[in-house]
Amino acid sequence: MGDKKSPTRPKRQAKQTADDGYWDCSVCTFKNTAEAFKCSICDVRKGTSTR
């Protein structure tokens, strides 16, 4: 079996954004303010999945 080591994988890091206080619409990708509960452009609710 020898001295083989398993390959090291880079650790996943939390997505850091310089745009704290904003969220991107999952439909039209508009950058909305954190206070907005729906997109200012297309009226999709915050956190709506596109699946």
N, C-alpha and C. Protein backbone atom coordinates (compact mmCIF):
# COMPACT_ATOMS: atom_id res chain seq x y z
N MET A 1 0.81 -1.19 0.00
CA MET A 1 0.00 0.00 0.00
C MET A 1 0.86 1.26 0.00
N GLY A 2 2.01 1.24 0.57
CA GLY A 2 2.96 2.34 0.44
C GLY A 2 2.60 3.58 1.22
N ASP A 3 3.27 4.68 0.84
CA ASP A 3 3.12 5.95 1.55
C ASP A 3 2.18 6.91 0.81
N LYS A 4 1.33 6.38 -0.03
CA LYS A 4 0.46 7.27 -0.82
C LYS A 4 -0.48 8.05 0.09
N LYS A 5 -0.51 9.33 -0.15
CA LYS A 5 -1.42 10.20 0.58
C LYS A 5 -2.54 10.60 -0.36
N SER A 6 -3.70 10.80 0.21
CA SER A 6 -4.80 11.25 -0.64
C SER A 6 -4.54 12.70 -1.05
N PRO A 7 -4.95 13.07 -2.24
CA PRO A 7 -4.72 14.44 -2.69
C PRO A 7 -5.45 15.43 -1.79
N THR A 8 -4.81 16.55 -1.57
CA THR A 8 -5.45 17.56 -0.73
C THR A 8 -6.42 18.37 -1.56
N ARG A 9 -7.53 18.67 -0.96
CA ARG A 9 -8.54 19.46 -1.65
C ARG A 9 -8.58 20.84 -1.01
N PRO A 10 -8.77 21.86 -1.83
CA PRO A 10 -8.89 23.20 -1.24
C PRO A 10 -10.17 23.27 -0.40
N LYS A 11 -10.08 23.95 0.72
CA LYS A 11 -11.24 24.09 1.58
C LYS A 11 -12.22 25.08 0.96
N ARG A 12 -13.48 24.75 1.10
CA ARG A 12 -14.50 25.67 0.60
C ARG A 12 -14.62 26.83 1.56
N GLN A 13 -14.72 28.00 0.99
CA GLN A 13 -14.87 29.19 1.81
C GLN A 13 -16.24 29.80 1.58
N ALA A 14 -16.77 30.41 2.60
CA ALA A 14 -18.04 31.09 2.46
C ALA A 14 -17.87 32.21 1.44
N LYS A 15 -18.90 32.41 0.66
CA LYS A 15 -18.84 33.44 -0.38
C LYS A 15 -18.78 34.81 0.29
N GLN A 16 -17.71 35.50 0.06
CA GLN A 16 -17.54 36.84 0.61
C GLN A 16 -17.94 37.85 -0.46
N THR A 17 -18.78 38.78 -0.08
CA THR A 17 -19.14 39.82 -1.03
C THR A 17 -18.85 41.18 -0.42
N ALA A 18 -18.41 42.07 -1.24
CA ALA A 18 -18.17 43.44 -0.79
C ALA A 18 -19.49 44.21 -0.79
N ASP A 19 -20.55 43.55 -1.25
CA ASP A 19 -21.85 44.19 -1.40
C ASP A 19 -22.81 43.79 -0.28
N ASP A 20 -22.30 43.68 0.95
CA ASP A 20 -23.18 43.35 2.07
C ASP A 20 -24.29 44.38 2.13
N GLY A 21 -25.48 43.91 2.39
CA GLY A 21 -26.61 44.81 2.39
C GLY A 21 -27.39 44.77 1.09
N TYR A 22 -26.97 43.91 0.18
CA TYR A 22 -27.66 43.76 -1.11
C TYR A 22 -27.87 42.28 -1.40
N TRP A 23 -28.84 41.99 -2.24
CA TRP A 23 -29.04 40.62 -2.72
C TRP A 23 -29.36 40.67 -4.20
N ASP A 24 -28.87 39.67 -4.93
CA ASP A 24 -29.09 39.59 -6.37
C ASP A 24 -30.35 38.80 -6.66
N CYS A 25 -31.22 39.35 -7.48
CA CYS A 25 -32.43 38.65 -7.89
C CYS A 25 -32.03 37.40 -8.67
N SER A 26 -32.68 36.27 -8.35
CA SER A 26 -32.35 35.01 -9.02
C SER A 26 -32.91 34.94 -10.43
N VAL A 27 -33.80 35.85 -10.79
CA VAL A 27 -34.40 35.84 -12.12
C VAL A 27 -33.75 36.86 -13.04
N CYS A 28 -33.73 38.13 -12.62
CA CYS A 28 -33.19 39.17 -13.52
C CYS A 28 -31.81 39.67 -13.10
N THR A 29 -31.28 39.16 -11.99
CA THR A 29 -29.95 39.46 -11.45
C THR A 29 -29.77 40.92 -11.01
N PHE A 30 -30.86 41.67 -10.85
CA PHE A 30 -30.76 43.05 -10.35
C PHE A 30 -30.30 43.02 -8.90
N LYS A 31 -29.45 43.96 -8.52
CA LYS A 31 -28.93 44.04 -7.16
C LYS A 31 -29.88 44.90 -6.32
N ASN A 32 -30.60 44.24 -5.42
CA ASN A 32 -31.60 44.90 -4.58
C ASN A 32 -31.04 45.20 -3.20
N THR A 33 -31.64 46.16 -2.52
CA THR A 33 -31.23 46.46 -1.15
C THR A 33 -31.68 45.33 -0.23
N ALA A 34 -31.00 45.17 0.89
CA ALA A 34 -31.31 44.10 1.83
C ALA A 34 -32.73 44.24 2.39
N GLU A 35 -33.22 45.46 2.48
CA GLU A 35 -34.55 45.69 3.03
C GLU A 35 -35.67 45.25 2.08
N ALA A 36 -35.36 45.17 0.80
CA ALA A 36 -36.38 44.81 -0.19
C ALA A 36 -36.76 43.34 -0.03
N PHE A 37 -38.05 43.06 0.07
CA PHE A 37 -38.50 41.67 0.17
C PHE A 37 -38.86 41.10 -1.18
N LYS A 38 -38.89 41.96 -2.21
CA LYS A 38 -39.07 41.49 -3.58
C LYS A 38 -38.22 42.36 -4.49
N CYS A 39 -37.94 41.85 -5.67
CA CYS A 39 -37.09 42.55 -6.63
C CYS A 39 -37.75 43.83 -7.11
N SER A 40 -36.98 44.89 -7.15
CA SER A 40 -37.48 46.19 -7.59
C SER A 40 -37.79 46.22 -9.08
N ILE A 41 -37.21 45.31 -9.83
CA ILE A 41 -37.40 45.30 -11.28
C ILE A 41 -38.51 44.33 -11.69
N CYS A 42 -38.42 43.07 -11.25
CA CYS A 42 -39.36 42.06 -11.76
C CYS A 42 -40.34 41.52 -10.71
N ASP A 43 -40.30 42.06 -9.49
CA ASP A 43 -41.25 41.71 -8.43
C ASP A 43 -41.17 40.27 -7.94
N VAL A 44 -40.07 39.56 -8.21
CA VAL A 44 -39.89 38.21 -7.69
C VAL A 44 -39.49 38.30 -6.23
N ARG A 45 -40.08 37.46 -5.39
CA ARG A 45 -39.77 37.49 -3.97
C ARG A 45 -38.33 37.07 -3.70
N LYS A 46 -37.73 37.68 -2.69
CA LYS A 46 -36.37 37.38 -2.28
C LYS A 46 -36.26 35.90 -1.92
N GLY A 47 -35.23 35.25 -2.42
CA GLY A 47 -34.99 33.85 -2.11
C GLY A 47 -35.74 32.87 -2.98
N THR A 48 -36.43 33.35 -3.98
CA THR A 48 -37.17 32.48 -4.89
C THR A 48 -36.20 31.71 -5.76
N SER A 49 -36.40 30.41 -5.82
CA SER A 49 -35.55 29.56 -6.65
C SER A 49 -36.00 29.60 -8.10
N THR A 50 -35.06 29.46 -9.01
CA THR A 50 -35.42 29.44 -10.44
C THR A 50 -35.61 28.02 -10.95
N ARG A 51 -35.55 27.04 -10.07
CA ARG A 51 -35.73 25.64 -10.50
C ARG A 51 -37.17 25.35 -10.78
